[in-house]
């Protein structure tokens, strides 16, 4: 009697990755903004990279894009990349603010910092950041960013990169 073989196509199918993501790079160093932007623009998933120099600029941009008017549980395909050390509101405080608002808590936030001390990494993961990358950003880091994008809206449920 012949055994029935399952087709490899019958296995669970991963849904296609949504393209058209917008990444907000928040860093007070203009050179780091440009470097990050150049690398991020090489991603097939990322449509737009918006560079901002402060927490205030980020909140102004999010407001202009109606993040605070749309349904809080359905943010657009967006990711925020934060530096830790910035004048005014630093990246850790900004992360806390973002995660305490129902309008921004579901947006994946990745920290990109030259300060990779263990305490900083633990702090940002404890605040529900989706990852921590050390500066400078390299092309290889796109794999970490793509892992978050591929999880889509479920990045938080399925774990931290």
C-alpha atoms as a PDB file:
ATOM      1  CA  UNK A   1       0.000   0.000   0.000  1.00  0.00           C
ATOM      2  CA  UNK A   2       1.422   3.402  -0.980  1.00  0.00           C
ATOM      3  CA  UNK A   3       1.923   5.984   1.726  1.00  0.00           C
ATOM      4  CA  UNK A   4       0.412   9.358   1.205  1.00  0.00           C
ATOM      5  CA  UNK A   5       2.979  12.120   0.917  1.00  0.00           C
ATOM      6  CA  UNK A   6       2.224  15.613   1.978  1.00  0.00           C
ATOM      7  CA  UNK A   7       3.100  18.370  -0.399  1.00  0.00           C
ATOM      8  CA  UNK A   8       5.598  20.913   0.957  1.00  0.00           C
ATOM      9  CA  UNK A   9       3.048  23.509  -0.091  1.00  0.00           C
ATOM     10  CA  UNK A  10       0.499  22.129   2.357  1.00  0.00           C
ATOM     11  CA  UNK A  11       2.603  23.298   5.307  1.00  0.00           C
ATOM     12  CA  UNK A  12       1.640  26.499   7.015  1.00  0.00           C
ATOM     13  CA  UNK A  13       2.193  29.441   4.746  1.00  0.00           C
ATOM     14  CA  UNK A  14       3.797  32.592   6.065  1.00  0.00           C
ATOM     15  CA  UNK A  15       1.769  35.644   5.107  1.00  0.00           C
ATOM     16  CA  UNK A  16       3.555  38.027   2.785  1.00  0.00           C
ATOM     17  CA  UNK A  17       5.501  40.814   4.420  1.00  0.00           C
ATOM     18  CA  UNK A  18       3.799  44.144   4.156  1.00  0.00           C
ATOM     19  CA  UNK A  19       5.893  46.689   2.355  1.00  0.00           C
ATOM     20  CA  UNK A  20       5.569  50.418   2.578  1.00  0.00           C
ATOM     21  CA  UNK A  21       6.854  50.823   6.128  1.00  0.00           C
ATOM     22  CA  UNK A  22       7.818  54.237   7.462  1.00  0.00           C
ATOM     23  CA  UNK A  23      10.765  54.419   9.844  1.00  0.00           C
ATOM     24  CA  UNK A  24      11.226  57.435  12.092  1.00  0.00           C
ATOM     25  CA  UNK A  25      14.903  57.872  13.021  1.00  0.00           C
ATOM     26  CA  UNK A  26      15.218  60.015  16.156  1.00  0.00           C
ATOM     27  CA  UNK A  27      18.810  61.043  16.757  1.00  0.00           C
ATOM     28  CA  UNK A  28      20.334  64.406  17.612  1.00  0.00           C
ATOM     29  CA  UNK A  29      23.460  63.634  15.537  1.00  0.00           C
ATOM     30  CA  UNK A  30      22.889  64.646  11.908  1.00  0.00           C
ATOM     31  CA  UNK A  31      25.664  62.351  10.611  1.00  0.00           C
ATOM     32  CA  UNK A  32      24.078  59.345  12.332  1.00  0.00           C
ATOM     33  CA  UNK A  33      20.692  60.300  10.860  1.00  0.00           C
ATOM     34  CA  UNK A  34      22.141  60.321   7.335  1.00  0.00           C
ATOM     35  CA  UNK A  35      24.033  57.040   7.811  1.00  0.00           C
ATOM     36  CA  UNK A  36      20.930  55.301   9.208  1.00  0.00           C
ATOM     37  CA  UNK A  37      18.759  56.712   6.437  1.00  0.00           C
ATOM     38  CA  UNK A  38      21.116  55.454   3.708  1.00  0.00           C
ATOM     39  CA  UNK A  39      21.096  51.947   5.134  1.00  0.00           C
ATOM     40  CA  UNK A  40      17.349  51.821   5.812  1.00  0.00           C
ATOM     41  CA  UNK A  41      16.528  53.028   2.289  1.00  0.00           C
ATOM     42  CA  UNK A  42      18.118  49.846   0.931  1.00  0.00           C
ATOM     43  CA  UNK A  43      15.379  47.729   2.528  1.00  0.00           C
ATOM     44  CA  UNK A  44      12.672  46.485   0.155  1.00  0.00           C
ATOM     45  CA  UNK A  45      10.141  46.808   3.007  1.00  0.00           C
ATOM     46  CA  UNK A  46      10.788  50.452   3.873  1.00  0.00           C
ATOM     47  CA  UNK A  47       9.115  53.145   1.808  1.00  0.00           C
ATOM     48  CA  UNK A  48      10.003  56.220   3.803  1.00  0.00           C
ATOM     49  CA  UNK A  49      12.680  57.223   6.315  1.00  0.00           C
ATOM     50  CA  UNK A  50      11.954  60.338   8.350  1.00  0.00           C
ATOM     51  CA  UNK A  51      14.915  61.770  10.285  1.00  0.00           C
ATOM     52  CA  UNK A  52      14.162  63.812  13.403  1.00  0.00           C
ATOM     53  CA  UNK A  53      16.445  65.392  15.974  1.00  0.00           C
ATOM     54  CA  UNK A  54      14.379  65.304  19.163  1.00  0.00           C
ATOM     55  CA  UNK A  55      11.379  63.900  21.010  1.00  0.00           C
ATOM     56  CA  UNK A  56       9.462  67.083  20.272  1.00  0.00           C
ATOM     57  CA  UNK A  57      10.073  66.676  16.520  1.00  0.00           C
ATOM     58  CA  UNK A  58       8.895  63.049  16.687  1.00  0.00           C
ATOM     59  CA  UNK A  59       5.645  63.910  18.459  1.00  0.00           C
ATOM     60  CA  UNK A  60       5.032  66.776  16.019  1.00  0.00           C
ATOM     61  CA  UNK A  61       5.538  64.407  13.071  1.00  0.00           C
ATOM     62  CA  UNK A  62       3.299  61.714  14.580  1.00  0.00           C
ATOM     63  CA  UNK A  63       0.594  64.309  15.177  1.00  0.00           C
ATOM     64  CA  UNK A  64       0.893  65.592  11.598  1.00  0.00           C
ATOM     65  CA  UNK A  65       0.440  62.006  10.382  1.00  0.00           C
ATOM     66  CA  UNK A  66      -2.695  61.540  12.546  1.00  0.00           C
ATOM     67  CA  UNK A  67      -1.263  58.886  14.856  1.00  0.00           C
ATOM     68  CA  UNK A  68      -3.213  60.437  17.720  1.00  0.00           C
ATOM     69  CA  UNK A  69      -6.539  60.450  15.875  1.00  0.00           C
ATOM     70  CA  UNK A  70      -6.678  56.991  14.333  1.00  0.00           C
ATOM     71  CA  UNK A  71      -7.609  53.831  16.191  1.00  0.00           C
ATOM     72  CA  UNK A  72      -4.936  53.233  18.849  1.00  0.00           C
ATOM     73  CA  UNK A  73      -4.744  49.485  18.240  1.00  0.00           C
ATOM     74  CA  UNK A  74      -4.174  49.808  14.527  1.00  0.00           C
ATOM     75  CA  UNK A  75      -1.109  51.982  13.925  1.00  0.00           C
ATOM     76  CA  UNK A  76       0.140  52.239  10.343  1.00  0.00           C
ATOM     77  CA  UNK A  77       3.160  50.208   9.279  1.00  0.00           C
ATOM     78  CA  UNK A  78       5.685  52.269  11.173  1.00  0.00           C
ATOM     79  CA  UNK A  79       8.750  51.757  13.305  1.00  0.00           C
ATOM     80  CA  UNK A  80      10.669  54.198  15.478  1.00  0.00           C
ATOM     81  CA  UNK A  81      14.436  54.031  15.919  1.00  0.00           C
ATOM     82  CA  UNK A  82      15.754  55.991  18.916  1.00  0.00           C
ATOM     83  CA  UNK A  83      19.146  57.094  20.127  1.00  0.00           C
ATOM     84  CA  UNK A  84      19.554  56.929  23.919  1.00  0.00           C
ATOM     85  CA  UNK A  85      21.667  60.016  24.550  1.00  0.00           C
ATOM     86  CA  UNK A  86      19.923  63.141  23.279  1.00  0.00           C
ATOM     87  CA  UNK A  87      19.565  66.589  24.809  1.00  0.00           C
ATOM     88  CA  UNK A  88      16.211  67.358  26.377  1.00  0.00           C
ATOM     89  CA  UNK A  89      14.179  64.160  26.470  1.00  0.00           C
ATOM     90  CA  UNK A  90      16.572  61.213  26.190  1.00  0.00           C
ATOM     91  CA  UNK A  91      15.746  57.995  24.346  1.00  0.00           C
ATOM     92  CA  UNK A  92      14.809  56.012  27.475  1.00  0.00           C
ATOM     93  CA  UNK A  93      12.340  58.698  28.614  1.00  0.00           C
ATOM     94  CA  UNK A  94      10.946  58.964  25.094  1.00  0.00           C
ATOM     95  CA  UNK A  95      10.513  55.180  24.949  1.00  0.00           C
ATOM     96  CA  UNK A  96       8.610  55.313  28.256  1.00  0.00           C
ATOM     97  CA  UNK A  97       6.328  58.036  26.877  1.00  0.00           C
ATOM     98  CA  UNK A  98       5.673  56.122  23.661  1.00  0.00           C
ATOM     99  CA  UNK A  99       4.851  52.889  25.476  1.00  0.00           C
ATOM    100  CA  UNK A 100       2.532  54.630  27.963  1.00  0.00           C
ATOM    101  CA  UNK A 101       0.249  56.053  25.273  1.00  0.00           C
ATOM    102  CA  UNK A 102      -2.523  53.887  23.777  1.00  0.00           C
ATOM    103  CA  UNK A 103      -1.860  55.607  20.435  1.00  0.00           C
ATOM    104  CA  UNK A 104       1.825  54.710  20.222  1.00  0.00           C
ATOM    105  CA  UNK A 105       2.286  51.687  22.493  1.00  0.00           C
ATOM    106  CA  UNK A 106       1.929  49.217  19.600  1.00  0.00           C
ATOM    107  CA  UNK A 107       4.490  50.883  17.359  1.00  0.00           C
ATOM    108  CA  UNK A 108       7.733  48.890  17.406  1.00  0.00           C
ATOM    109  CA  UNK A 109      10.585  50.955  18.833  1.00  0.00           C
ATOM    110  CA  UNK A 110      14.191  49.900  18.296  1.00  0.00           C
ATOM    111  CA  UNK A 111      17.066  51.557  20.125  1.00  0.00           C
ATOM    112  CA  UNK A 112      20.155  52.417  18.070  1.00  0.00           C
ATOM    113  CA  UNK A 113      22.910  53.716  20.324  1.00  0.00           C
ATOM    114  CA  UNK A 114      26.665  53.852  20.673  1.00  0.00           C
ATOM    115  CA  UNK A 115      26.164  53.079  24.363  1.00  0.00           C
ATOM    116  CA  UNK A 116      25.659  49.337  24.510  1.00  0.00           C
ATOM    117  CA  UNK A 117      26.148  48.885  28.257  1.00  0.00           C
ATOM    118  CA  UNK A 118      24.231  45.927  29.630  1.00  0.00           C
ATOM    119  CA  UNK A 119      22.100  48.156  31.871  1.00  0.00           C
ATOM    120  CA  UNK A 120      20.875  50.147  28.853  1.00  0.00           C
ATOM    121  CA  UNK A 121      20.005  46.984  26.939  1.00  0.00           C
ATOM    122  CA  UNK A 122      18.101  45.587  29.944  1.00  0.00           C
ATOM    123  CA  UNK A 123      16.312  48.905  30.489  1.00  0.00           C
ATOM    124  CA  UNK A 124      15.006  49.159  26.932  1.00  0.00           C
ATOM    125  CA  UNK A 125      13.894  45.534  26.802  1.00  0.00           C
ATOM    126  CA  UNK A 126      12.121  46.033  30.137  1.00  0.00           C
ATOM    127  CA  UNK A 127      10.287  48.969  28.547  1.00  0.00           C
ATOM    128  CA  UNK A 128       9.126  46.788  25.646  1.00  0.00           C
ATOM    129  CA  UNK A 129      11.524  47.960  22.949  1.00  0.00           C
ATOM    130  CA  UNK A 130      11.659  45.504  20.070  1.00  0.00           C
ATOM    131  CA  UNK A 131      15.449  45.544  19.842  1.00  0.00           C
ATOM    132  CA  UNK A 132      18.761  47.197  20.576  1.00  0.00           C
ATOM    133  CA  UNK A 133      21.403  47.860  17.916  1.00  0.00           C
ATOM    134  CA  UNK A 134      24.756  49.502  18.501  1.00  0.00           C
ATOM    135  CA  UNK A 135      26.039  52.362  16.364  1.00  0.00           C
ATOM    136  CA  UNK A 136      27.170  52.607  13.732  1.00  0.00           C
ATOM    137  CA  UNK A 137      24.411  50.840  11.859  1.00  0.00           C
ATOM    138  CA  UNK A 138      25.609  48.408   9.170  1.00  0.00           C
ATOM    139  CA  UNK A 139      23.853  46.667   6.306  1.00  0.00           C
ATOM    140  CA  UNK A 140      23.883  43.456   8.363  1.00  0.00           C
ATOM    141  CA  UNK A 141      21.620  45.178  10.906  1.00  0.00           C
ATOM    142  CA  UNK A 142      18.815  45.202   8.319  1.00  0.00           C
ATOM    143  CA  UNK A 143      18.231  41.541   9.226  1.00  0.00           C
ATOM    144  CA  UNK A 144      17.210  42.597  12.761  1.00  0.00           C
ATOM    145  CA  UNK A 145      14.980  45.335  11.387  1.00  0.00           C
ATOM    146  CA  UNK A 146      13.429  42.976   8.831  1.00  0.00           C
ATOM    147  CA  UNK A 147      12.676  40.463  11.599  1.00  0.00           C
ATOM    148  CA  UNK A 148      10.500  43.078  13.310  1.00  0.00           C
ATOM    149  CA  UNK A 149       8.825  44.091  10.048  1.00  0.00           C
ATOM    150  CA  UNK A 150       8.160  40.459   9.120  1.00  0.00           C
ATOM    151  CA  UNK A 151       6.325  39.978  12.414  1.00  0.00           C
ATOM    152  CA  UNK A 152       4.172  42.937  11.467  1.00  0.00           C
ATOM    153  CA  UNK A 153       1.511  43.842  13.979  1.00  0.00           C
ATOM    154  CA  UNK A 154       2.445  40.773  16.058  1.00  0.00           C
ATOM    155  CA  UNK A 155       6.006  41.883  16.890  1.00  0.00           C
ATOM    156  CA  UNK A 156       5.153  42.214  20.585  1.00  0.00           C
ATOM    157  CA  UNK A 157       3.281  38.925  20.873  1.00  0.00           C
ATOM    158  CA  UNK A 158       6.020  36.886  19.238  1.00  0.00           C
ATOM    159  CA  UNK A 159       8.915  38.318  21.199  1.00  0.00           C
ATOM    160  CA  UNK A 160      11.772  40.752  21.008  1.00  0.00           C
ATOM    161  CA  UNK A 161      14.442  40.664  18.347  1.00  0.00           C
END
